[in-house]
């Protein structure tokens, strides 16, 4: 049996492989390494959050919502997860849920101006990327 340190190293290697794919805009290839990282350490938020963002870019909104919801469940102060989940809800036509998440993101992190959206122009925007892969704020 592997030690916990070994699990951490292996999961971080998979995570960084996933980040590398995302930084090269090869989101479809990032899903497997992110999933392997999660398999080793299921409660590591950054693994799940990055996979959620990749699913979202790929248009896999059900899977993105599930991962964003898991991140929020584990850390209800994660404004970026609310914000990005809102875009997946919007893509599914669940506008009330999207608006609730946009507002929750602002409430959770009121000092971050990037979390403010103009609802009248939002119909033309698929997603707003708040940071590069691997550079999520820690809440």
C-alpha atoms as a PDB file:
ATOM      1  CA  UNK A   1       0.000   0.000   0.000  1.00  0.00           C
ATOM      2  CA  UNK A   2       1.218   3.508  -0.831  1.00  0.00           C
ATOM      3  CA  UNK A   3       1.850   6.076   1.838  1.00  0.00           C
ATOM      4  CA  UNK A   4      -0.192   9.275   2.099  1.00  0.00           C
ATOM      5  CA  UNK A   5       2.865  11.246   0.949  1.00  0.00           C
ATOM      6  CA  UNK A   6       2.990   9.073  -2.158  1.00  0.00           C
ATOM      7  CA  UNK A   7      -0.709   9.769  -2.819  1.00  0.00           C
ATOM      8  CA  UNK A   8      -0.049  13.488  -2.517  1.00  0.00           C
ATOM      9  CA  UNK A   9       2.851  13.394  -4.961  1.00  0.00           C
ATOM     10  CA  UNK A  10       0.975  11.283  -7.477  1.00  0.00           C
ATOM     11  CA  UNK A  11      -2.176  13.392  -7.240  1.00  0.00           C
ATOM     12  CA  UNK A  12      -0.186  16.615  -7.637  1.00  0.00           C
ATOM     13  CA  UNK A  13       1.543  15.201 -10.708  1.00  0.00           C
ATOM     14  CA  UNK A  14      -1.826  14.396 -12.278  1.00  0.00           C
ATOM     15  CA  UNK A  15      -3.136  17.845 -11.288  1.00  0.00           C
ATOM     16  CA  UNK A  16      -0.194  19.599 -12.935  1.00  0.00           C
ATOM     17  CA  UNK A  17      -0.606  17.507 -16.079  1.00  0.00           C
ATOM     18  CA  UNK A  18      -4.234  18.677 -16.180  1.00  0.00           C
ATOM     19  CA  UNK A  19      -3.145  22.288 -15.707  1.00  0.00           C
ATOM     20  CA  UNK A  20      -0.632  21.906 -18.530  1.00  0.00           C
ATOM     21  CA  UNK A  21      -3.335  20.712 -20.895  1.00  0.00           C
ATOM     22  CA  UNK A  22      -5.644  23.575 -19.896  1.00  0.00           C
ATOM     23  CA  UNK A  23      -2.912  26.148 -20.334  1.00  0.00           C
ATOM     24  CA  UNK A  24      -2.525  24.819 -23.878  1.00  0.00           C
ATOM     25  CA  UNK A  25      -6.321  24.950 -24.408  1.00  0.00           C
ATOM     26  CA  UNK A  26      -6.550  21.154 -24.620  1.00  0.00           C
ATOM     27  CA  UNK A  27      -9.358  20.943 -22.080  1.00  0.00           C
ATOM     28  CA  UNK A  28     -10.613  17.559 -23.242  1.00  0.00           C
ATOM     29  CA  UNK A  29      -7.227  16.032 -22.378  1.00  0.00           C
ATOM     30  CA  UNK A  30      -7.229  17.587 -18.891  1.00  0.00           C
ATOM     31  CA  UNK A  31     -10.246  15.660 -17.618  1.00  0.00           C
ATOM     32  CA  UNK A  32      -8.465  12.319 -17.154  1.00  0.00           C
ATOM     33  CA  UNK A  33      -5.515  13.674 -15.124  1.00  0.00           C
ATOM     34  CA  UNK A  34      -7.804  15.842 -12.976  1.00  0.00           C
ATOM     35  CA  UNK A  35     -10.031  12.819 -12.360  1.00  0.00           C
ATOM     36  CA  UNK A  36      -7.025  10.716 -11.361  1.00  0.00           C
ATOM     37  CA  UNK A  37      -5.882  13.435  -8.943  1.00  0.00           C
ATOM     38  CA  UNK A  38      -9.379  13.465  -7.407  1.00  0.00           C
ATOM     39  CA  UNK A  39      -9.307   9.671  -7.170  1.00  0.00           C
ATOM     40  CA  UNK A  40      -6.198   9.892  -4.975  1.00  0.00           C
ATOM     41  CA  UNK A  41      -7.351  12.857  -2.850  1.00  0.00           C
ATOM     42  CA  UNK A  42     -11.130  13.361  -3.238  1.00  0.00           C
ATOM     43  CA  UNK A  43     -11.383  16.338  -0.894  1.00  0.00           C
ATOM     44  CA  UNK A  44      -8.739  18.527  -2.540  1.00  0.00           C
ATOM     45  CA  UNK A  45     -10.789  21.486  -3.754  1.00  0.00           C
ATOM     46  CA  UNK A  46      -8.343  22.746  -6.364  1.00  0.00           C
ATOM     47  CA  UNK A  47      -8.470  19.450  -8.279  1.00  0.00           C
ATOM     48  CA  UNK A  48     -12.249  19.459  -8.470  1.00  0.00           C
ATOM     49  CA  UNK A  49     -12.448  23.208  -9.188  1.00  0.00           C
ATOM     50  CA  UNK A  50     -10.078  22.997 -12.145  1.00  0.00           C
ATOM     51  CA  UNK A  51     -11.911  19.973 -13.540  1.00  0.00           C
ATOM     52  CA  UNK A  52     -15.201  21.867 -13.224  1.00  0.00           C
ATOM     53  CA  UNK A  53     -13.757  24.749 -15.233  1.00  0.00           C
ATOM     54  CA  UNK A  54     -12.524  22.349 -17.927  1.00  0.00           C
ATOM     55  CA  UNK A  55     -15.935  20.641 -18.122  1.00  0.00           C
ATOM     56  CA  UNK A  56     -17.549  24.054 -18.456  1.00  0.00           C
ATOM     57  CA  UNK A  57     -15.294  25.116 -21.334  1.00  0.00           C
ATOM     58  CA  UNK A  58     -16.121  21.800 -23.042  1.00  0.00           C
ATOM     59  CA  UNK A  59     -19.849  22.486 -22.677  1.00  0.00           C
ATOM     60  CA  UNK A  60     -20.349  19.647 -20.190  1.00  0.00           C
ATOM     61  CA  UNK A  61     -22.486  21.807 -17.928  1.00  0.00           C
ATOM     62  CA  UNK A  62     -24.091  19.026 -15.853  1.00  0.00           C
ATOM     63  CA  UNK A  63     -20.650  17.741 -14.891  1.00  0.00           C
ATOM     64  CA  UNK A  64     -19.336  21.265 -14.310  1.00  0.00           C
ATOM     65  CA  UNK A  65     -22.281  22.077 -12.034  1.00  0.00           C
ATOM     66  CA  UNK A  66     -21.710  18.882 -10.062  1.00  0.00           C
ATOM     67  CA  UNK A  67     -18.031  19.703  -9.499  1.00  0.00           C
ATOM     68  CA  UNK A  68     -18.673  23.393  -8.729  1.00  0.00           C
ATOM     69  CA  UNK A  69     -21.399  22.324  -6.285  1.00  0.00           C
ATOM     70  CA  UNK A  70     -18.970  19.935  -4.576  1.00  0.00           C
ATOM     71  CA  UNK A  71     -16.428  22.767  -4.247  1.00  0.00           C
ATOM     72  CA  UNK A  72     -19.107  25.033  -2.763  1.00  0.00           C
ATOM     73  CA  UNK A  73     -20.290  22.315  -0.393  1.00  0.00           C
ATOM     74  CA  UNK A  74     -16.722  21.853   0.869  1.00  0.00           C
ATOM     75  CA  UNK A  75     -16.046  25.611   0.976  1.00  0.00           C
ATOM     76  CA  UNK A  76     -19.145  27.862   0.868  1.00  0.00           C
ATOM     77  CA  UNK A  77     -16.855  30.933   0.785  1.00  0.00           C
ATOM     78  CA  UNK A  78     -15.509  30.130  -2.697  1.00  0.00           C
ATOM     79  CA  UNK A  79     -16.884  33.052  -4.719  1.00  0.00           C
ATOM     80  CA  UNK A  80     -15.214  31.896  -7.948  1.00  0.00           C
ATOM     81  CA  UNK A  81     -17.073  28.562  -7.821  1.00  0.00           C
ATOM     82  CA  UNK A  82     -20.437  30.353  -7.463  1.00  0.00           C
ATOM     83  CA  UNK A  83     -19.521  32.710 -10.291  1.00  0.00           C
ATOM     84  CA  UNK A  84     -18.474  29.981 -12.704  1.00  0.00           C
ATOM     85  CA  UNK A  85     -21.379  27.703 -11.752  1.00  0.00           C
ATOM     86  CA  UNK A  86     -23.700  30.587 -12.638  1.00  0.00           C
ATOM     87  CA  UNK A  87     -22.468  30.455 -16.236  1.00  0.00           C
ATOM     88  CA  UNK A  88     -23.239  26.745 -16.478  1.00  0.00           C
ATOM     89  CA  UNK A  89     -26.726  27.357 -15.120  1.00  0.00           C
ATOM     90  CA  UNK A  90     -27.126  30.176 -17.665  1.00  0.00           C
ATOM     91  CA  UNK A  91     -26.026  27.833 -20.465  1.00  0.00           C
ATOM     92  CA  UNK A  92     -28.769  25.424 -19.411  1.00  0.00           C
ATOM     93  CA  UNK A  93     -31.406  28.161 -19.387  1.00  0.00           C
ATOM     94  CA  UNK A  94     -31.686  28.073 -15.575  1.00  0.00           C
ATOM     95  CA  UNK A  95     -31.596  31.847 -15.289  1.00  0.00           C
ATOM     96  CA  UNK A  96     -32.909  32.157 -11.731  1.00  0.00           C
ATOM     97  CA  UNK A  97     -30.254  29.773 -10.436  1.00  0.00           C
ATOM     98  CA  UNK A  98     -27.630  31.646 -12.459  1.00  0.00           C
ATOM     99  CA  UNK A  99     -28.718  35.011 -11.045  1.00  0.00           C
ATOM    100  CA  UNK A 100     -28.701  33.583  -7.518  1.00  0.00           C
ATOM    101  CA  UNK A 101     -25.120  32.362  -7.991  1.00  0.00           C
ATOM    102  CA  UNK A 102     -23.938  35.644  -9.540  1.00  0.00           C
ATOM    103  CA  UNK A 103     -25.360  37.523  -6.570  1.00  0.00           C
ATOM    104  CA  UNK A 104     -23.951  35.006  -4.081  1.00  0.00           C
ATOM    105  CA  UNK A 105     -20.467  35.394  -5.579  1.00  0.00           C
ATOM    106  CA  UNK A 106     -20.650  39.172  -5.027  1.00  0.00           C
ATOM    107  CA  UNK A 107     -21.957  38.669  -1.503  1.00  0.00           C
ATOM    108  CA  UNK A 108     -19.183  36.222  -0.595  1.00  0.00           C
ATOM    109  CA  UNK A 109     -16.391  38.416  -2.002  1.00  0.00           C
ATOM    110  CA  UNK A 110     -17.766  41.979  -2.211  1.00  0.00           C
ATOM    111  CA  UNK A 111     -14.334  43.532  -2.763  1.00  0.00           C
ATOM    112  CA  UNK A 112     -13.689  41.675  -6.035  1.00  0.00           C
ATOM    113  CA  UNK A 113     -14.939  43.878  -8.897  1.00  0.00           C
ATOM    114  CA  UNK A 114     -14.516  41.067 -11.436  1.00  0.00           C
ATOM    115  CA  UNK A 115     -17.533  39.311  -9.886  1.00  0.00           C
ATOM    116  CA  UNK A 116     -19.928  42.075 -10.946  1.00  0.00           C
ATOM    117  CA  UNK A 117     -21.854  41.321 -14.134  1.00  0.00           C
ATOM    118  CA  UNK A 118     -24.002  43.479 -16.384  1.00  0.00           C
ATOM    119  CA  UNK A 119     -27.118  41.344 -16.802  1.00  0.00           C
ATOM    120  CA  UNK A 120     -28.210  43.219 -19.944  1.00  0.00           C
ATOM    121  CA  UNK A 121     -25.022  42.167 -21.773  1.00  0.00           C
ATOM    122  CA  UNK A 122     -24.641  38.714 -20.266  1.00  0.00           C
ATOM    123  CA  UNK A 123     -26.583  36.902 -22.995  1.00  0.00           C
ATOM    124  CA  UNK A 124     -23.607  37.219 -25.370  1.00  0.00           C
ATOM    125  CA  UNK A 125     -21.048  35.874 -22.878  1.00  0.00           C
ATOM    126  CA  UNK A 126     -20.476  32.133 -22.409  1.00  0.00           C
ATOM    127  CA  UNK A 127     -18.085  32.480 -19.477  1.00  0.00           C
ATOM    128  CA  UNK A 128     -15.805  34.997 -17.844  1.00  0.00           C
ATOM    129  CA  UNK A 129     -12.444  33.480 -16.985  1.00  0.00           C
ATOM    130  CA  UNK A 130     -11.290  35.006 -13.712  1.00  0.00           C
ATOM    131  CA  UNK A 131      -7.775  33.557 -13.641  1.00  0.00           C
ATOM    132  CA  UNK A 132      -5.433  31.171 -15.400  1.00  0.00           C
ATOM    133  CA  UNK A 133      -5.609  27.459 -14.590  1.00  0.00           C
ATOM    134  CA  UNK A 134      -3.930  26.787 -11.267  1.00  0.00           C
ATOM    135  CA  UNK A 135      -4.161  30.401 -10.070  1.00  0.00           C
ATOM    136  CA  UNK A 136      -7.473  30.227  -8.192  1.00  0.00           C
ATOM    137  CA  UNK A 137      -7.742  32.333  -5.049  1.00  0.00           C
ATOM    138  CA  UNK A 138      -7.840  30.407  -1.804  1.00  0.00           C
ATOM    139  CA  UNK A 139     -10.935  31.343   0.151  1.00  0.00           C
END
